[in-house]
Protein backbone atom coordinates (compact mmCIF):
# COMPACT_ATOMS: atom_id res chain seq x y z
CA MET A 1 58.46 -51.23 13.54
CA PRO A 2 57.41 -54.77 14.58
CA ARG A 3 59.46 -57.17 16.97
CA TYR A 4 59.93 -61.04 15.77
CA THR A 5 59.73 -62.93 18.51
CA ALA A 6 61.64 -66.58 18.50
CA LEU A 7 60.70 -69.82 21.15
CA PRO A 8 62.07 -69.37 24.07
CA THR A 9 65.31 -70.95 25.38
CA ASP A 10 64.45 -72.75 27.87
CA THR A 11 61.57 -74.00 26.37
CA VAL A 12 63.94 -75.12 23.59
CA THR A 13 66.26 -76.82 26.26
CA ALA A 14 62.85 -78.65 27.72
CA TRP A 15 62.80 -80.28 24.26
CA ARG A 16 66.24 -81.23 23.45
CA ALA A 17 66.40 -82.81 26.81
CA ASP A 18 63.04 -84.66 26.12
CA ALA A 19 60.46 -82.83 27.29
CA PRO A 20 56.97 -83.74 26.31
CA ASP A 21 55.46 -81.00 22.84
CA ALA A 22 51.51 -80.21 22.83
CA PHE A 23 50.49 -83.82 22.61
CA GLY A 24 52.67 -85.21 25.53
CA HIS A 25 55.22 -86.84 23.65
CA PRO A 26 58.82 -86.81 23.53
CA PRO A 27 60.37 -84.72 20.11
CA GLU A 28 61.32 -87.13 16.68
CA ARG A 29 64.72 -86.89 16.10
CA HIS A 30 66.29 -86.34 13.04
CA VAL A 31 68.71 -85.47 10.25
CA SER A 32 68.23 -82.39 7.93
CA ASP A 33 68.68 -82.44 4.98
CA GLY A 34 69.44 -78.90 4.15
CA GLU A 35 66.25 -77.68 2.73
CA GLY A 36 63.35 -76.62 4.12
CA ASN A 37 63.73 -77.25 8.34
CA PRO A 38 63.82 -74.20 9.59
CA CYS A 39 64.38 -74.04 13.43
CA ARG A 40 62.28 -71.63 15.61
CA HIS A 41 64.78 -71.28 17.93
CA CYS A 42 67.68 -69.47 16.28
CA LEU A 43 65.59 -68.52 13.33
CA ARG A 44 67.72 -70.24 10.99
CA ASP A 45 67.22 -73.58 8.53
CA ILE A 46 68.72 -76.33 10.20
CA PRO A 47 71.89 -77.08 7.60
CA ALA A 48 71.79 -80.48 6.15
CA GLY A 49 73.76 -82.91 8.44
CA HIS A 50 72.56 -81.85 12.10
CA GLU A 51 70.42 -83.40 13.91
CA MET A 52 66.83 -81.75 14.74
CA LEU A 53 64.25 -82.29 16.51
CA ILE A 54 60.29 -82.68 14.70
CA LEU A 55 57.72 -81.97 17.48
CA ALA A 56 54.05 -81.13 17.78
CA HIS A 57 53.64 -77.36 18.94
CA LYS A 58 50.83 -75.12 20.51
CA PRO A 59 51.86 -71.04 20.06
CA PHE A 60 49.59 -70.48 23.14
CA ASP A 61 48.25 -71.10 26.63
CA GLY A 62 45.59 -73.45 27.56
CA THR A 63 42.71 -75.24 24.75
CA HIS A 64 40.38 -72.87 22.55
CA PRO A 65 39.50 -73.01 19.30
CA TYR A 66 42.17 -70.59 18.21
CA ALA A 67 45.03 -73.03 19.38
CA GLU A 68 46.21 -74.50 16.47
CA VAL A 69 48.54 -77.16 16.76
CA GLY A 70 50.89 -78.49 14.20
CA PRO A 71 55.06 -79.67 13.24
CA ILE A 72 57.84 -77.75 13.89
CA PHE A 73 61.27 -78.38 13.53
CA VAL A 74 64.38 -76.94 16.27
CA CYS A 75 68.10 -77.80 16.09
CA ALA A 76 68.73 -80.27 18.90
CA ASP A 77 72.08 -78.78 19.37
CA PRO A 78 72.06 -75.30 21.34
CA CYS A 79 71.81 -72.32 18.56
CA THR A 80 71.48 -68.60 19.85
CA ARG A 81 68.06 -67.76 20.02
CA GLY A 82 67.13 -65.03 17.11
CA GLY A 83 64.06 -62.20 16.79
CA GLY A 84 64.86 -58.43 16.45
CA ALA A 85 63.41 -55.78 14.58
CA ASP A 86 65.00 -57.54 10.88
CA LEU A 87 63.29 -60.06 9.02
CA PRO A 88 64.82 -63.08 10.05
CA PRO A 89 66.62 -66.00 7.53
CA ILE A 90 63.51 -68.09 8.09
CA LEU A 91 61.57 -65.81 6.28
CA THR A 92 63.19 -65.71 3.37
CA THR A 93 63.28 -69.10 1.94
CA SER A 94 59.48 -69.33 0.27
CA PRO A 95 58.24 -66.89 -1.69
CA ASP A 96 55.08 -65.84 1.24
CA TYR A 97 53.86 -66.50 4.41
CA LEU A 98 50.03 -66.38 5.97
CA ILE A 99 50.64 -63.30 8.54
CA LYS A 100 47.20 -63.75 11.07
CA GLY A 101 46.93 -61.11 13.74
CA TYR A 102 45.58 -61.82 17.48
CA CYS A 103 43.70 -59.99 19.97
CA ALA A 104 45.19 -60.46 23.54
CA ARG A 105 42.58 -63.32 24.33
CA ASP A 106 44.94 -65.76 21.49
CA ARG A 107 41.55 -65.27 19.35
CA ILE A 108 42.18 -64.25 15.42
CA VAL A 109 41.46 -60.89 14.72
CA TYR A 110 39.38 -61.26 11.61
CA GLY A 111 40.51 -59.07 8.14
CA THR A 112 43.75 -59.75 9.07
CA GLY A 113 44.74 -63.04 8.22
CA ALA A 114 46.38 -62.06 4.45
CA ILE A 115 48.91 -64.65 2.26
CA VAL A 116 52.00 -62.12 2.31
CA PRO A 117 54.70 -61.88 -0.26
CA VAL A 118 57.82 -61.68 1.84
CA ALA A 119 58.87 -57.92 0.00
CA GLY A 120 55.54 -56.76 1.94
CA ILE A 121 55.93 -58.79 5.28
CA ASP A 122 56.42 -55.35 7.47
CA ALA A 123 53.85 -53.59 5.65
CA HIS A 124 51.48 -55.73 6.18
CA LEU A 125 52.26 -55.78 10.33
CA GLU A 126 52.71 -52.34 10.95
CA ARG A 127 48.93 -52.69 8.95
CA ILE A 128 47.38 -54.87 10.74
CA PHE A 129 49.50 -53.25 14.08
CA ALA A 130 48.24 -49.94 13.30
CA ARG A 131 44.27 -51.62 14.50
CA PRO A 132 43.82 -51.25 18.55
CA ASP A 133 42.88 -55.16 18.87
CA VAL A 134 45.66 -56.34 17.22
CA ALA A 135 48.18 -57.72 20.22
CA TYR A 136 50.57 -60.17 17.59
CA ALA A 137 51.11 -61.76 14.37
CA HIS A 138 51.59 -65.49 13.92
CA VAL A 139 53.91 -65.71 10.41
CA ARG A 140 53.03 -69.18 9.06
CA SER A 141 53.79 -71.18 6.35
CA ALA A 142 51.69 -70.03 3.34
CA ARG A 143 51.76 -73.20 1.80
CA ASN A 144 51.36 -76.25 5.01
CA ASN A 145 50.15 -73.81 7.91
CA CYS A 146 53.27 -74.42 10.19
CA TYR A 147 53.59 -71.78 12.80
CA GLN A 148 57.16 -70.01 11.59
CA LEU A 149 56.89 -67.44 14.38
CA ARG A 150 55.28 -64.89 17.02
CA VAL A 151 55.18 -61.03 15.80
CA ASP A 152 55.11 -59.00 18.74
CA ARG A 153 54.78 -55.00 18.57
CA ASP A 154 57.91 -52.91 19.26
CA ASP A 155 56.54 -50.50 21.42
């Protein structure tokens, strides 16, 4: 069974205090329109009218050819960190998502990437985690390639 992993609370708390993003800039502050603004910490959509942060995020340590950087949203106000064994709410707002497996060296494991319908996410993750060379996976938007969350083995 996969374990859906949200961004760490200490990282998000730092951004709320204007810590720099992946490009060294403070997060931008905007107001959510209630659609398409998934918080990568609580793993829920940010409600309409609520303040949110938009920033560049790189879900890897260091730089290397596979260290993609892209925009993400987080709630500007404190929220409870999401995650666990159940499919998070932010993965139910689109018909499908891009899923890719990574090795322990943070490189894509070729043959694991696929655009997967929501109903098939758990099954696809189980298939790629059956491979011993896959350490974790990322779920991204199938349309904009934005990072949604990390998925770890629940060993």
